[in-house]
Protein backbone atom coordinates (compact mmCIF):
# COMPACT_ATOMS: atom_id res chain seq x y z
CA MET A 1 -0.46 0.00 -0.34
CA THR A 2 2.20 2.16 -1.48
CA PHE A 3 2.57 4.81 -4.20
CA THR A 4 5.32 4.94 -6.16
CA VAL A 5 6.35 6.61 -9.21
CA ARG A 6 4.58 4.21 -11.69
CA ASP A 7 1.15 5.54 -9.53
CA ALA A 8 2.33 8.96 -10.51
CA LEU A 9 2.52 8.43 -14.28
CA ARG A 10 -1.17 7.25 -14.28
CA THR A 11 -2.39 10.47 -11.76
CA GLY A 12 -4.13 13.26 -13.13
CA ARG A 13 -1.87 15.53 -15.21
CA LEU A 14 1.25 13.52 -15.48
CA SER A 15 -0.12 11.03 -17.06
CA GLU A 16 0.34 12.89 -20.27
CA ALA A 17 4.22 12.86 -19.11
CA HIS A 18 6.92 11.05 -20.76
CA ILE A 19 9.07 8.38 -19.26
CA ARG A 20 13.00 9.27 -20.84
CA ALA A 21 15.26 7.40 -18.67
CA GLY A 22 15.56 5.75 -16.03
CA ALA A 23 12.34 3.10 -16.18
CA ASP A 24 13.83 0.31 -13.79
CA GLY A 25 12.98 2.57 -11.15
CA LEU A 26 9.57 3.16 -11.62
CA GLY A 27 8.96 1.10 -8.93
CA ARG A 28 10.59 4.00 -6.17
CA ILE A 29 8.19 5.09 -3.58
CA VAL A 30 6.88 9.07 -3.68
CA SER A 31 5.95 10.06 -0.67
CA SER A 32 6.15 14.13 -1.38
CA VAL A 33 6.67 16.96 -4.09
CA ASN A 34 9.05 19.01 -4.79
CA VAL A 35 10.48 21.67 -6.82
CA MET A 36 13.60 22.98 -7.68
CA GLU A 37 14.42 26.97 -8.26
CA VAL A 38 17.65 27.40 -6.73
CA PRO A 39 20.73 26.50 -7.61
CA ASP A 40 21.54 24.52 -4.24
CA ILE A 41 18.52 22.43 -3.93
CA LEU A 42 20.55 19.12 -2.71
CA ALA A 43 20.73 20.57 1.03
CA TRP A 44 16.58 20.44 1.15
CA ILE A 45 16.30 17.21 -1.05
CA LYS A 46 14.53 14.81 1.26
CA PRO A 47 14.51 10.61 0.81
CA HIS A 48 11.27 9.60 -1.94
CA GLU A 49 10.79 13.00 -2.98
CA LEU A 50 9.25 13.68 -6.87
CA LEU A 51 11.29 16.40 -7.91
CA LEU A 52 9.79 18.85 -10.01
CA THR A 53 11.87 21.60 -12.09
CA THR A 54 12.16 23.45 -15.11
CA LEU A 55 16.61 23.03 -14.79
CA TYR A 56 16.44 27.01 -14.86
CA PRO A 57 18.93 27.05 -11.76
CA LEU A 58 20.87 25.20 -14.01
CA ARG A 59 20.53 26.41 -17.62
CA ASP A 60 24.41 28.21 -17.43
CA ASP A 61 25.60 24.67 -16.58
CA PRO A 62 24.47 22.14 -18.90
CA ALA A 63 27.26 20.12 -18.10
CA SER A 64 26.94 19.23 -14.39
CA LEU A 65 23.71 17.61 -15.34
CA GLY A 66 24.81 14.27 -15.41
CA SER A 67 26.65 14.61 -11.99
CA PHE A 68 23.48 16.47 -10.69
CA VAL A 69 21.22 13.13 -11.25
CA LEU A 70 24.05 10.97 -9.15
CA GLU A 71 23.78 12.85 -6.44
CA LEU A 72 19.88 13.12 -6.48
CA ALA A 73 19.97 9.49 -6.98
CA GLN A 74 22.43 8.95 -3.77
CA ARG A 75 20.03 11.15 -1.74
CA GLU A 76 17.57 8.45 -2.82
CA LEU A 77 15.26 10.62 -4.58
CA ALA A 78 12.25 8.96 -6.09
CA GLY A 79 12.21 10.87 -9.56
CA ILE A 80 13.03 13.61 -11.92
CA VAL A 81 9.96 15.28 -13.68
CA VAL A 82 11.59 18.41 -16.15
CA LYS A 83 9.35 20.43 -17.63
CA THR A 84 10.71 21.33 -21.40
CA GLY A 85 10.05 24.06 -24.03
CA ARG A 86 11.10 27.19 -21.92
CA TYR A 87 14.53 26.61 -21.18
CA PHE A 88 15.75 23.38 -22.60
CA GLU A 89 13.65 21.97 -25.54
CA ALA A 90 14.35 18.75 -24.35
CA ILE A 91 15.66 16.87 -21.71
CA PRO A 92 19.81 16.72 -21.69
CA GLN A 93 21.18 13.72 -22.90
CA GLU A 94 23.85 13.66 -19.94
CA MET A 95 21.17 13.63 -17.60
CA CYS A 96 19.54 11.08 -19.31
CA SER A 97 22.35 8.40 -19.25
CA ALA A 98 23.58 9.08 -15.44
CA ALA A 99 19.82 8.28 -14.92
CA GLU A 100 19.76 5.21 -16.79
CA ARG A 101 22.46 4.40 -14.83
CA CYS A 102 21.18 4.71 -11.70
CA LYS A 103 17.67 3.69 -12.14
CA LEU A 104 16.30 7.09 -11.54
CA PRO A 105 12.99 7.96 -13.01
CA LEU A 106 13.27 10.86 -15.55
CA ILE A 107 10.21 12.35 -16.55
CA GLU A 108 9.69 15.27 -19.36
CA LEU A 109 6.33 17.36 -19.18
CA ARG A 110 4.86 19.03 -21.92
CA SER A 111 5.40 22.88 -20.65
CA GLU A 112 1.68 24.18 -21.02
CA VAL A 113 1.12 21.73 -17.93
CA SER A 114 0.92 24.02 -14.79
CA PHE A 115 3.19 22.70 -11.88
CA ASP A 116 0.32 23.52 -9.15
CA GLU A 117 -1.69 21.29 -10.85
CA ILE A 118 0.57 18.26 -10.86
CA ILE A 119 1.53 19.36 -7.23
CA THR A 120 -2.00 19.04 -6.09
CA GLU A 121 -3.20 15.77 -7.73
CA LEU A 122 0.01 13.86 -6.41
CA LEU A 123 -0.69 14.81 -2.73
CA SER A 124 -4.05 14.15 -2.38
CA SER A 125 -3.31 10.71 -4.33
CA ILE A 126 -0.22 10.41 -1.73
CA LEU A 127 -2.45 11.61 1.49
CA SER A 128 -5.29 9.03 0.30
CA VAL A 129 -2.83 6.11 -0.30
CA GLN A 130 -1.11 7.14 3.20
CA THR A 131 -4.94 7.28 4.68
CA GLN A 132 -5.16 3.84 3.37
CA ARG A 133 -2.35 2.40 5.02
CA LEU A 134 -3.29 4.01 8.48
CA GLN A 135 -6.59 2.38 8.31
CA HIS A 136 -4.19 -0.50 7.43
CA SER A 137 -2.32 -0.21 9.94
CA GLU A 138 -5.33 0.36 12.80
CA GLU A 139 -6.95 -3.26 11.15
CA VAL A 140 -3.78 -5.20 11.68
CA HIS A 141 -2.87 -3.57 15.60
CA ARG A 142 -6.65 -3.92 16.21
CA ARG A 143 -6.50 -7.74 15.28
CA PHE A 144 -3.10 -8.74 17.10
CA THR A 145 -4.19 -6.70 20.45
CA ALA A 146 -7.66 -8.40 20.59
CA ILE A 147 -5.34 -12.04 20.29
CA VAL A 148 -3.86 -10.76 23.46
CA LEU A 149 -6.83 -9.37 25.55
CA ALA A 150 -8.44 -12.33 24.56
CA GLY A 151 -5.47 -14.52 26.51
CA GLY A 152 -4.51 -15.59 23.51
CA GLY A 153 -0.29 -16.02 23.00
CA LEU A 154 2.56 -16.17 20.50
CA GLN A 155 0.84 -19.39 18.95
CA HIS A 156 -2.30 -17.49 18.18
CA ILE A 157 -0.41 -14.85 17.20
CA ALA A 158 1.79 -16.80 14.71
CA ASP A 159 -1.87 -18.28 13.43
CA ASN A 160 -2.89 -15.00 12.22
CA LEU A 161 -0.06 -13.48 11.02
CA ALA A 162 0.50 -16.73 8.60
CA LEU A 163 -3.04 -15.84 7.26
CA LEU A 164 -2.35 -12.22 6.89
CA ILE A 165 0.68 -12.73 4.82
CA GLY A 166 -0.01 -15.50 3.15
CA ASN A 167 3.61 -17.22 4.21
CA PRO A 168 4.53 -19.43 7.00
CA VAL A 169 6.08 -17.59 10.22
CA ALA A 170 8.35 -18.88 13.05
CA ILE A 171 8.57 -17.12 16.38
CA ILE A 172 11.95 -17.92 17.89
CA ALA A 173 13.93 -17.13 21.31
CA PRO A 174 17.11 -15.25 21.20
CA ASP A 175 19.05 -18.52 21.17
CA ARG A 176 16.34 -19.40 17.99
CA ARG A 177 14.84 -21.83 20.11
CA ILE A 178 11.37 -22.09 18.65
CA LEU A 179 8.32 -20.34 20.26
CA ALA A 180 5.59 -20.88 17.66
CA LEU A 181 5.24 -21.82 14.38
CA ALA A 182 2.34 -21.65 11.77
CA ALA A 183 1.36 -22.00 8.10
CA ALA A 184 -1.73 -21.62 6.29
CA ASP A 185 -0.58 -25.12 4.34
CA ASP A 186 0.57 -28.19 4.61
CA ALA A 187 3.67 -27.67 2.03
CA SER A 188 4.16 -24.55 3.91
CA LYS A 189 4.63 -25.56 6.95
CA ASP A 190 7.07 -28.37 5.68
CA THR A 191 8.89 -25.97 4.50
CA LEU A 192 9.38 -23.79 7.47
CA ASN A 193 9.87 -27.75 9.44
CA ALA A 194 12.71 -28.61 7.00
CA PHE A 195 14.91 -25.35 8.73
CA VAL A 196 14.03 -26.92 11.95
CA ARG A 197 16.81 -28.96 13.94
CA VAL A 198 16.12 -30.75 17.09
CA ARG A 199 18.25 -30.84 20.21
CA VAL A 200 18.33 -32.92 23.21
CA GLY A 201 14.24 -32.48 22.33
CA VAL A 202 14.18 -28.43 22.13
CA ARG A 203 13.30 -27.36 18.55
CA TYR A 204 15.39 -25.34 17.10
CA LEU A 205 15.21 -22.97 13.96
CA HIS A 206 18.34 -23.44 12.04
CA ILE A 207 18.44 -20.62 9.04
CA ASP A 208 21.50 -18.44 8.24
CA THR A 209 21.26 -14.54 8.47
CA SER A 210 24.61 -13.67 7.82
CA MET A 211 23.40 -11.91 5.09
CA CYS A 212 20.35 -9.80 6.43
CA GLN A 213 20.21 -6.82 5.11
CA GLY A 214 18.05 -3.76 6.51
CA ILE A 215 14.89 -2.98 4.73
CA THR A 216 14.10 1.09 4.55
CA GLU A 217 11.95 2.66 7.22
CA SER A 218 11.54 -0.60 8.54
CA THR A 219 12.41 -2.61 11.88
CA VAL A 220 11.91 -5.74 9.62
CA SER A 221 14.85 -7.45 7.02
CA LYS A 222 16.00 -9.46 4.33
CA PHE A 223 17.76 -12.39 4.01
CA ARG A 224 18.77 -15.18 1.98
CA CYS A 225 18.80 -18.61 3.15
CA ASN A 226 19.09 -22.08 1.54
CA LEU A 227 17.77 -25.64 1.94
CA GLN A 228 20.59 -27.89 1.15
CA ALA A 229 18.56 -30.93 1.13
CA LYS A 230 16.05 -29.89 -1.26
CA GLU A 231 18.87 -27.80 -3.16
CA LYS A 232 16.60 -24.68 -2.95
CA HIS A 233 16.94 -21.37 -1.64
CA PHE A 234 14.13 -19.15 -0.10
CA ILE A 235 13.97 -15.40 0.51
CA GLY A 236 12.75 -14.62 4.14
CA PHE A 237 12.20 -12.19 6.36
CA ALA A 238 12.57 -11.02 9.89
CA CYS A 239 11.24 -8.85 13.08
CA ALA A 240 12.67 -8.57 16.08
CA ILE A 241 10.83 -8.64 19.22
CA ARG A 242 11.82 -5.67 20.83
CA VAL A 243 10.81 -3.58 24.23
CA GLY A 244 13.49 -0.16 24.41
CA ALA A 245 16.67 -1.90 24.61
CA HIS A 246 15.73 -4.85 25.08
CA ASN A 247 15.14 -7.97 22.23
CA TYR A 248 13.13 -11.22 23.37
CA GLY A 249 13.47 -12.69 20.29
CA SER A 250 12.02 -12.32 16.25
CA ILE A 251 9.16 -13.10 13.77
CA VAL A 252 10.29 -15.08 11.01
CA THR A 253 8.98 -15.28 7.05
CA LEU A 254 9.70 -17.25 4.35
CA GLU A 255 8.51 -16.18 0.85
CA THR A 256 6.77 -19.86 0.13
CA ASN A 257 3.51 -18.83 -1.37
CA ARG A 258 3.56 -15.51 -2.87
CA GLN A 259 6.26 -12.67 -2.95
CA PHE A 260 6.59 -10.63 0.06
CA ASP A 261 4.93 -7.12 0.60
CA TYR A 262 6.97 -4.41 1.73
CA ASP A 263 4.46 -2.43 3.05
CA GLU A 264 1.55 -3.91 3.95
CA ASP A 265 3.06 -6.96 4.98
CA ALA A 266 6.12 -5.16 6.86
CA ILE A 267 3.39 -3.65 9.01
CA ALA A 268 1.46 -6.71 9.75
CA MET A 269 5.20 -8.07 11.44
CA GLU A 270 5.88 -4.63 12.81
CA HIS A 271 2.28 -5.16 14.81
CA ALA A 272 2.56 -8.71 15.55
CA ALA A 273 6.27 -8.14 17.26
CA THR A 274 4.33 -5.80 18.89
CA VAL A 275 2.03 -7.73 20.70
CA SER A 276 4.47 -10.60 20.86
CA ALA A 277 6.68 -8.27 23.05
CA LEU A 278 3.22 -8.30 25.52
CA ALA A 279 2.61 -11.91 25.50
CA VAL A 280 6.35 -12.36 26.24
CA THR A 281 6.46 -9.81 28.74
CA LYS A 282 3.11 -11.30 30.31
CA GLU A 283 4.70 -14.29 30.18
CA GLN A 284 7.31 -13.16 32.15
CA ALA A 285 5.57 -11.43 34.71
CA ILE A 286 3.86 -14.64 35.34
CA VAL A 287 7.07 -17.07 35.31
CA ALA A 288 8.77 -14.13 37.70
CA VAL A 289 6.00 -14.87 40.37
CA GLU A 290 5.94 -18.90 39.94
CA ARG A 291 9.66 -18.80 40.91
CA LYS A 292 8.94 -16.62 43.51
CA PHE A 293 6.44 -19.78 44.87
CA GLN A 294 8.91 -21.75 43.94
CA SER A 295 12.03 -20.41 45.43
CA ASP A 296 10.36 -19.76 48.86
CA PHE A 297 9.09 -23.49 48.48
CA LEU A 298 12.51 -24.52 48.05
CA ASP A 299 14.17 -22.81 50.31
CA ASP A 300 11.92 -24.14 53.68
CA LEU A 301 12.06 -27.99 51.92
CA LEU A 302 15.88 -27.60 51.54
CA ALA A 303 16.42 -25.95 54.48
CA GLY A 304 14.32 -28.89 56.29
CA ARG A 305 11.90 -26.83 58.05
CA ILE A 306 8.86 -28.59 56.73
CA LEU A 307 8.12 -31.49 58.41
CA SER A 308 4.96 -32.89 57.05
CA MET A 309 4.75 -34.82 53.91
CA GLU A 310 0.90 -33.54 53.90
CA THR A 311 2.54 -29.94 53.65
CA VAL A 312 4.83 -30.90 51.56
CA ILE A 313 2.59 -32.70 48.84
CA SER A 314 0.43 -29.64 48.88
CA ARG A 315 2.63 -27.21 48.03
CA ALA A 316 4.12 -28.83 45.64
CA GLN A 317 0.88 -29.91 43.83
CA THR A 318 0.67 -26.28 43.48
CA LEU A 319 3.38 -25.66 41.38
CA ASP A 320 2.90 -29.07 39.37
CA TRP A 321 5.84 -30.63 41.03
CA ARG A 322 5.75 -34.79 41.95
CA LEU A 323 7.71 -34.87 45.38
CA ASP A 324 5.51 -38.04 46.75
CA ARG A 325 8.61 -40.32 45.57
CA PRO A 326 12.23 -41.12 46.65
CA GLY A 327 14.42 -38.45 45.56
CA ILE A 328 18.01 -37.26 44.85
CA VAL A 329 19.68 -33.72 44.88
CA TYR A 330 22.01 -32.65 41.57
CA VAL A 331 23.44 -29.18 42.02
CA VAL A 332 24.91 -27.78 39.28
CA GLU A 333 27.72 -24.74 38.93
CA VAL A 334 27.90 -22.98 35.95
CA ARG A 335 30.70 -20.92 34.69
CA GLY A 336 31.97 -19.03 32.13
CA ASP A 337 29.73 -16.40 32.75
CA ASP A 338 31.04 -14.21 29.25
CA LEU A 339 28.35 -15.03 26.43
CA VAL A 340 29.10 -14.81 22.86
CA SER A 341 26.64 -12.40 21.38
CA PRO A 342 25.07 -13.03 18.10
CA ALA A 343 25.81 -11.29 15.08
CA SER A 344 24.06 -7.89 14.56
CA GLY A 345 21.27 -7.06 12.90
CA TRP A 346 17.14 -8.75 13.56
CA GLN A 347 18.68 -11.66 15.94
CA ALA A 348 18.45 -11.30 19.56
CA VAL A 349 20.79 -9.48 22.31
CA TYR A 350 21.56 -11.34 24.66
CA ARG A 351 20.74 -9.63 27.86
CA PRO A 352 22.12 -11.03 31.72
CA ASP A 353 18.69 -11.90 32.50
CA THR A 354 17.47 -13.20 29.63
CA ALA A 355 20.68 -15.15 29.76
CA SER A 356 19.97 -16.50 32.63
CA SER A 357 16.21 -17.66 31.60
CA LEU A 358 17.78 -19.06 28.52
CA LEU A 359 20.13 -20.91 30.84
CA LEU A 360 17.24 -22.20 33.06
CA GLU A 361 15.03 -23.72 29.76
CA SER A 362 18.09 -24.95 28.25
CA ALA A 363 18.05 -27.39 32.05
CA ARG A 364 15.05 -28.20 32.43
CA ALA A 365 14.82 -29.10 28.84
CA ALA A 366 17.93 -31.05 29.70
CA ALA A 367 16.95 -32.74 33.02
CA LYS A 368 13.17 -33.35 31.09
CA HIS A 369 15.29 -35.99 28.95
CA VAL A 370 16.63 -38.01 31.82
CA ASP A 371 12.97 -37.45 34.18
CA SER A 372 10.26 -36.66 32.67
CA GLU A 373 8.89 -35.20 35.63
CA ALA A 374 12.68 -33.63 36.95
CA ILE A 375 12.20 -30.39 39.39
CA VAL A 376 14.80 -27.93 38.15
CA VAL A 377 15.23 -24.05 39.84
CA GLU A 378 17.58 -21.95 39.81
CA LYS A 379 18.60 -20.67 43.67
CA SER A 380 21.60 -19.02 44.80
CA GLY A 381 23.22 -18.88 41.20
CA GLN A 382 23.36 -22.70 41.07
CA LEU A 383 20.80 -25.11 39.17
CA ILE A 384 19.14 -27.02 41.19
CA PHE A 385 17.96 -30.79 40.18
CA ILE A 386 15.73 -32.91 42.24
CA LEU A 387 14.95 -36.45 39.99
CA GLY A 388 13.22 -39.25 40.97
CA ALA A 389 15.64 -41.96 42.14
CA ALA A 390 14.56 -45.57 42.96
CA PRO A 391 12.56 -46.76 46.31
CA ALA A 392 14.60 -49.82 47.21
CA ARG A 393 17.75 -48.10 46.95
CA VAL A 394 17.29 -46.71 50.49
CA GLY A 395 18.22 -50.45 51.49
CA TYR A 396 21.06 -50.74 49.28
CA LYS A 397 24.68 -52.63 50.49
CA GLY A 398 27.93 -53.76 49.23
CA ALA A 399 27.96 -53.59 45.39
CA ARG A 400 24.49 -52.94 44.95
CA LEU A 401 25.22 -49.64 46.84
CA LYS A 402 28.35 -48.97 44.82
CA ALA A 403 26.24 -49.47 41.40
CA SER A 404 23.54 -47.53 42.12
CA PHE A 405 25.91 -44.78 43.47
CA LYS A 406 27.81 -45.69 39.59
CA ASN A 407 24.26 -45.14 37.84
CA ASP A 408 24.13 -41.53 39.43
CA ILE A 409 27.03 -40.37 38.23
CA ASP A 410 25.96 -41.79 34.85
CA VAL A 411 23.31 -39.49 34.93
CA GLY A 412 24.49 -36.62 35.69
CA GLN A 413 26.95 -36.87 33.16
CA HIS A 414 24.23 -37.61 31.05
CA LEU A 415 22.44 -34.16 31.93
CA LEU A 416 25.60 -32.16 31.49
CA ARG A 417 26.04 -33.48 28.18
CA ASN A 418 22.70 -32.42 27.25
CA LEU A 419 23.40 -28.93 29.03
CA ARG A 420 26.71 -28.40 27.31
CA PHE A 421 24.95 -29.25 24.00
CA LEU A 422 22.00 -26.83 24.61
CA GLN A 423 24.63 -24.30 26.03
CA ARG A 424 27.70 -24.59 24.27
CA ASP A 425 29.44 -21.45 25.72
CA ARG A 426 29.37 -22.89 29.68
CA GLN A 427 31.27 -24.62 31.44
CA PHE A 428 29.51 -27.08 34.46
CA VAL A 429 30.38 -28.83 37.01
CA MET A 430 27.98 -30.66 38.97
CA GLY A 431 27.77 -32.03 42.97
CA ILE A 432 25.79 -35.16 43.50
CA GLY A 433 23.91 -36.35 46.92
CA ARG A 434 22.22 -39.53 48.27
CA PRO A 435 19.00 -40.46 47.37
CA CYS A 436 16.90 -40.50 50.30
CA GLU A 437 13.39 -41.98 50.85
CA ASP A 438 11.23 -39.05 51.14
CA ALA A 439 11.11 -35.38 50.59
CA LEU A 440 11.75 -34.23 53.95
CA HIS A 441 15.05 -35.54 53.56
CA LEU A 442 15.54 -33.97 50.34
CA HIS A 443 18.04 -31.02 52.74
CA ARG A 444 19.73 -34.40 53.38
CA SER A 445 20.60 -34.77 50.12
CA TYR A 446 21.12 -31.25 48.91
CA ARG A 447 23.48 -30.54 51.84
CA GLU A 448 25.39 -33.53 50.46
CA ALA A 449 25.38 -32.20 47.18
CA GLN A 450 26.89 -28.87 48.20
CA GLN A 451 29.69 -30.93 49.94
CA ALA A 452 30.36 -32.90 46.82
CA LEU A 453 30.89 -29.58 44.64
CA ALA A 454 32.46 -27.26 46.94
CA ILE A 455 35.05 -30.31 47.94
CA GLY A 456 34.92 -32.31 45.20
CA SER A 457 35.47 -29.53 41.96
CA GLN A 458 38.46 -28.07 43.63
CA LEU A 459 40.13 -31.69 44.11
CA GLN A 460 38.85 -32.79 40.28
CA GLY A 461 38.55 -29.43 38.86
CA SER A 462 36.17 -27.92 36.29
CA GLY A 463 33.68 -30.37 33.79
CA THR A 464 33.24 -33.00 36.05
CA VAL A 465 30.80 -34.68 38.35
CA ILE A 466 31.49 -35.18 41.89
CA HIS A 467 29.19 -38.15 44.16
CA PHE A 468 29.38 -37.45 47.78
CA ASN A 469 29.95 -41.14 48.36
CA ASP A 470 33.64 -40.33 46.31
CA LEU A 471 34.78 -37.61 48.61
CA GLY A 472 36.14 -40.45 50.74
CA PHE A 473 37.23 -39.19 54.32
CA GLN A 474 36.44 -36.00 53.18
CA ARG A 475 32.85 -36.75 53.73
CA ILE A 476 33.82 -36.99 57.60
CA LEU A 477 36.07 -33.95 57.64
CA SER A 478 32.93 -32.15 56.18
CA GLN A 479 30.83 -33.09 59.13
CA PHE A 480 33.47 -31.70 61.66
CA GLU A 481 31.87 -28.33 63.16
CA ASN A 482 35.19 -27.29 64.66
CA PRO A 483 36.95 -25.99 61.15
CA ALA A 484 39.61 -23.98 63.65
CA GLU A 485 40.83 -27.44 65.47
CA LEU A 486 41.35 -29.34 61.92
CA GLN A 487 43.21 -26.21 60.64
CA ALA A 488 45.96 -25.77 63.67
CA PHE A 489 46.16 -29.60 63.28
CA ALA A 490 47.34 -29.45 59.98
CA GLU A 491 49.65 -26.61 61.62
CA GLU A 492 51.13 -28.62 63.85
CA LEU A 493 51.91 -31.20 61.30
CA LEU A 494 52.92 -29.11 57.65
CA GLY A 495 53.86 -26.11 59.38
CA THR A 496 57.46 -26.31 59.81
CA LEU A 497 57.91 -27.59 56.11
CA ILE A 498 55.65 -24.19 55.20
CA GLU A 499 58.05 -22.35 57.12
CA TYR A 500 60.89 -24.11 55.60
CA ASP A 501 59.84 -23.53 52.03
CA THR A 502 58.91 -19.98 52.47
CA HIS A 503 62.72 -19.03 53.69
CA HIS A 504 64.59 -21.44 51.17
CA ASP A 505 61.97 -21.11 47.98
CA ALA A 506 61.75 -24.99 48.39
CA ASP A 507 59.37 -27.36 47.29
CA LEU A 508 59.30 -29.97 50.34
CA LEU A 509 55.90 -29.26 50.89
CA TYR A 510 54.94 -30.36 47.65
CA THR A 511 57.56 -33.01 47.29
CA LEU A 512 55.90 -34.98 50.40
CA GLU A 513 52.85 -34.67 48.54
CA VAL A 514 53.91 -36.20 45.33
CA LEU A 515 55.36 -38.96 47.45
CA LEU A 516 52.35 -39.59 49.29
CA ASN A 517 50.61 -40.33 46.13
CA SER A 518 53.15 -42.58 44.98
CA ASN A 519 52.73 -44.98 47.69
CA LEU A 520 56.50 -43.68 48.94
CA ASN A 521 57.81 -45.52 45.27
CA MET A 522 60.92 -42.95 45.29
CA ALA A 523 61.81 -44.15 41.66
CA VAL A 524 57.68 -42.68 40.34
CA ALA A 525 58.11 -39.40 42.44
CA ALA A 526 61.54 -38.95 41.32
CA ARG A 527 59.86 -39.30 37.38
CA ARG A 528 56.94 -37.30 38.39
CA LEU A 529 59.01 -34.42 39.83
CA HIS A 530 61.71 -34.46 37.29
CA LEU A 531 64.48 -35.33 39.87
CA HIS A 532 67.74 -37.17 40.33
CA TYR A 533 67.01 -40.01 42.30
CA ASN A 534 69.80 -38.67 44.92
CA SER A 535 67.98 -35.12 45.17
CA LEU A 536 64.97 -37.03 45.86
CA ARG A 537 66.47 -38.94 48.72
CA TYR A 538 68.31 -35.38 50.07
CA ARG A 539 64.59 -33.87 50.06
CA LEU A 540 63.12 -36.74 51.94
CA GLN A 541 65.69 -36.56 54.85
CA LYS A 542 65.09 -32.87 54.84
CA ILE A 543 61.28 -33.59 54.75
CA GLU A 544 61.87 -36.16 57.91
CA GLU A 545 63.85 -33.98 59.74
CA LEU A 546 60.65 -31.58 60.30
CA THR A 547 57.76 -33.70 60.40
CA GLY A 548 59.52 -36.75 62.06
CA PRO A 549 60.13 -40.41 60.22
CA PHE A 550 57.20 -41.25 57.84
CA MET A 551 58.22 -43.59 55.95
CA ASP A 552 58.11 -46.57 58.17
CA ASP A 553 55.62 -44.98 60.59
CA ALA A 554 52.04 -46.09 58.88
CA GLN A 555 50.58 -43.47 62.18
CA GLN A 556 52.17 -41.05 60.55
CA ARG A 557 52.14 -40.65 57.16
CA MET A 558 47.91 -41.08 57.65
CA ASN A 559 48.43 -38.03 60.02
CA LEU A 560 50.68 -36.36 56.99
CA GLU A 561 47.67 -37.27 54.17
CA LEU A 562 45.03 -36.27 56.54
CA ALA A 563 46.70 -32.80 57.03
CA LEU A 564 47.17 -32.18 53.25
CA GLN A 565 44.33 -33.01 52.70
CA ILE A 566 42.93 -30.35 55.33
CA ARG A 567 45.06 -27.99 54.47
CA LYS A 568 44.22 -28.21 50.25
CA ALA A 569 40.27 -28.11 51.38
CA ASN A 570 40.65 -24.80 53.01
CA ARG A 571 43.26 -23.03 50.96
CA GLU A 572 40.40 -23.92 48.24
């Protein structure tokens, strides 16, 4: 619904004019009319103007007419109407050649036609088109607003937009996760689905938008995408779902049924994006309230403040959680907070709160792939997973108990693989507690998972899965209520070594640790330390002078190993 140079040539007295050059540009939009009365008109030229002139200001400099046309084209002029007969018998060839090169319509008007008539008729037609455009825009806006007011969501918006523009539509999140898909016919839907990829049960729109280009005076961008499976390429258009500087995703459509209308379809997409932003923010407000209730309940549950299963089940039902079964807690720490922003253009910009939401959505998708009734929440910057456990496990002993713990680790590793696949820019480390028979004891499993995470990740590094059961005697140390006493114990045994290393720039403490980890095998320890065997013997002699003999004293060795573990845990 635009007024073009082609339309202008069908209007009133201008229909008597003749196109002399630049016919390929007849589709240029005309939004206003200007008259050239001075030579320096360039300073007042605006995009999409139709310029009327007799060329009188340039009558003494005909050689400059070619460059003048090129400068007008650079300013996105709609076209030039030249009245001939008084100052120029015909339009100079320089102008025609330049207009043809830059596809700028150059129109010749008879001398007896008044500019006033042309201006009046054109402005009347332009105003009529703009009025129709506003009416269409208002109608589309009312249509989409009614959807949101009636409680409709993104799927309803996508369905209506697909009908309006006659092409398939996808609404996607900033990470290209699909929020809604719609098409007026099965063929279009199949084409759009060909660009869908499923990762860990989550659908993503897999479209390369590297060649994305903006459309003049529109928030809609144009791109080209290829469907390699069918050896086809499509023209696509996208519009950001934006609220101020915040971008919550995009609306994408492909030209499968008909050519995109740069006016009406762009208006429809822009209004759809506006109401989509309302729908998204409304959903986020609801989610924020739900998360507040989830967080409050989880705080009480994992702190052991709830003493009745009836209370647990009642509160869980309001959140659509299942807690009437044995459970186990997995705690994941997220590392690598620097997200790589997508390319510029229509693609969504990551914000910290949006990134957090995307991470939580990815975590839930990863967990549902393992346990359909998994509970996933964010707490204090960590991801908390509550998964079901086999009822009979509580009574397991010996080999069966060890096998069950290995199964917990396998589940955790599978969970992390899924999470890494969905969040490739992040690193994760996981702590696992022991299973408990009911939800009233989940606080114990949570505490154990936290301890496994805090202690095990420092000992084993990031990217690992640590079970509380694998902490060895660190489990016992973690239960000790007087950490100062533990520190004093370690200081008594290792203090002299630490002091000697400090004053002599030595590595006796590290040498002791390597030697103990090598089961007192001097040859192995020497290789690990890159020392000559005799040099290690000298160090060993010095260590035993400072700590007391331990090579033949199992009790002293145990004390030293314990002191080293205490020091490592405290240091980290």
